[in-house]
Protein backbone atom coordinates (compact mmCIF):
# COMPACT_ATOMS: atom_id res chain seq x y z
CA MET A 1 -29.18 -38.84 45.30
CA THR A 2 -28.41 -34.99 46.15
CA ARG A 3 -31.46 -33.30 43.30
CA GLU A 4 -30.97 -29.96 42.89
CA ILE A 5 -33.87 -27.34 42.96
CA GLN A 6 -34.80 -25.80 39.37
CA LEU A 7 -37.06 -23.15 40.32
CA THR A 8 -38.80 -21.25 37.38
CA LEU A 9 -40.51 -18.30 37.53
CA PHE A 10 -42.72 -16.36 34.59
CA VAL A 11 -44.10 -12.55 35.03
CA THR A 12 -46.78 -11.74 33.04
CA PHE A 13 -47.71 -8.64 32.33
CA HIS A 14 -50.74 -7.31 30.98
CA VAL A 15 -49.69 -3.80 29.20
CA LYS A 16 -52.48 -0.62 27.88
CA PRO A 17 -52.55 -0.80 23.98
CA SER A 18 -52.06 2.58 24.01
CA MET A 19 -48.90 2.23 25.80
CA ILE A 20 -47.29 -0.66 24.22
CA GLU A 21 -43.94 0.97 22.86
CA GLU A 22 -43.41 2.67 26.36
CA PHE A 23 -43.54 -0.75 28.34
CA LYS A 24 -41.05 -1.97 24.71
CA ILE A 25 -38.48 0.06 26.18
CA ALA A 26 -37.72 -2.26 28.89
CA HIS A 27 -39.26 -5.25 27.63
CA ARG A 28 -39.86 -7.54 24.87
CA PRO A 29 -43.29 -8.50 23.67
CA ASP A 30 -45.32 -11.05 23.42
CA PRO A 31 -45.79 -11.57 19.18
CA GLY A 32 -48.75 -13.57 19.45
CA GLN A 33 -50.23 -11.42 22.47
CA PRO A 34 -49.43 -7.95 21.45
CA GLY A 35 -49.96 -5.98 25.15
CA ARG A 36 -49.42 -9.57 27.40
CA PHE A 37 -45.31 -9.38 27.84
CA ARG A 38 -44.23 -12.80 30.03
CA LEU A 39 -40.41 -12.81 30.90
CA VAL A 40 -38.70 -15.85 32.25
CA GLU A 41 -36.62 -16.24 34.54
CA VAL A 42 -34.83 -20.02 35.77
CA TRP A 43 -33.73 -19.99 39.73
CA GLY A 44 -31.74 -21.80 41.67
CA PRO A 45 -32.27 -21.27 45.13
CA THR A 46 -35.72 -22.08 46.39
CA ARG A 47 -38.94 -19.66 46.00
CA GLU A 48 -38.59 -18.44 49.54
CA TRP A 49 -34.84 -16.89 49.04
CA LEU A 50 -36.18 -15.72 45.46
CA GLU A 51 -38.64 -13.78 47.39
CA THR A 52 -36.84 -12.49 50.85
CA GLU A 53 -33.64 -11.98 48.55
CA GLN A 54 -34.27 -11.05 45.26
CA LEU A 55 -37.05 -9.32 44.89
CA THR A 56 -36.24 -6.75 47.10
CA LYS A 57 -33.43 -4.89 45.61
CA SER A 58 -34.22 -2.02 45.53
CA TYR A 59 -33.99 -2.24 41.33
CA TYR A 60 -37.21 -3.76 40.98
CA ALA A 61 -39.12 -0.98 43.02
CA THR A 62 -37.94 1.85 40.28
CA ILE A 63 -38.49 -0.90 38.12
CA TRP A 64 -42.16 -1.03 38.69
CA GLU A 65 -42.79 2.48 39.69
CA ARG A 66 -41.12 3.68 35.95
CA SER A 67 -43.96 0.70 34.46
CA ARG A 68 -46.35 0.63 36.22
CA PRO A 69 -48.26 3.56 35.25
CA THR A 70 -48.69 1.31 31.65
CA TRP A 71 -49.87 -1.30 32.94
CA ASP A 72 -53.70 -2.59 32.41
CA LYS A 73 -53.87 -4.62 35.78
CA GLU A 74 -51.40 -6.24 38.27
CA ILE A 75 -48.68 -8.42 37.30
CA GLU A 76 -49.09 -12.23 37.91
CA ILE A 77 -46.12 -14.19 39.02
CA GLU A 78 -46.00 -17.91 38.47
CA PHE A 79 -43.41 -20.13 40.56
CA PHE A 80 -42.17 -24.15 39.49
CA GLU A 81 -40.62 -26.66 40.82
CA ARG A 82 -38.76 -29.11 38.61
CA LEU A 83 -38.14 -32.42 40.80
CA GLY A 84 -38.95 -35.86 40.90
CA GLU A 85 -40.46 -37.88 38.00
CA GLY A 86 -39.15 -35.23 34.72
CA TYR A 87 -36.65 -33.54 36.26
CA ILE A 88 -34.05 -33.16 33.67
CA TYR A 89 -31.52 -30.91 32.06
CA ARG A 90 -28.78 -29.91 31.00
CA LYS A 91 -26.25 -29.59 33.47
CA GLY A 92 -25.07 -26.91 30.11
CA TYR A 93 -28.29 -24.60 30.38
CA LEU A 94 -27.48 -23.55 34.41
CA ASP A 95 -23.34 -22.95 33.09
CA GLY A 96 -22.42 -19.53 32.85
CA GLY A 97 -24.93 -18.10 34.96
CA LYS A 98 -23.28 -17.18 38.38
CA LEU A 99 -24.54 -18.49 41.63
CA MET A 100 -25.48 -16.36 44.35
CA GLY A 101 -26.71 -15.81 47.96
C-alpha cells in the first residue's frame, strides 16, 4: 500500500502589541494569546517542494515586507509529516483542494 505524505505547516507570528490591529488586516489572531498569530496549512507535497516551489512565490515577499514592521521577533516555521503509525485522515478532508505541481 502506498502512503500519501501529509505535510502540516505551522507559521507563528509574534506581533508588537501596539501593532496588532494593523497586523489583523491580513491575519487572524489567536484569542488566547494577544499578539501571537498562527497559520496552519496542510499540504500533500514534500517539505522540499514547499520550500523550493511554494514559499518562493513572489506574493510571499510582498506579504513579509508589509507585515515585518509589526513583528516583535522573527516568524517561526515548523514542519510536521504524518507517516506510519497514526497516519489517518478522512479522504474528504483534503478534497476540494487543488493539486499543485
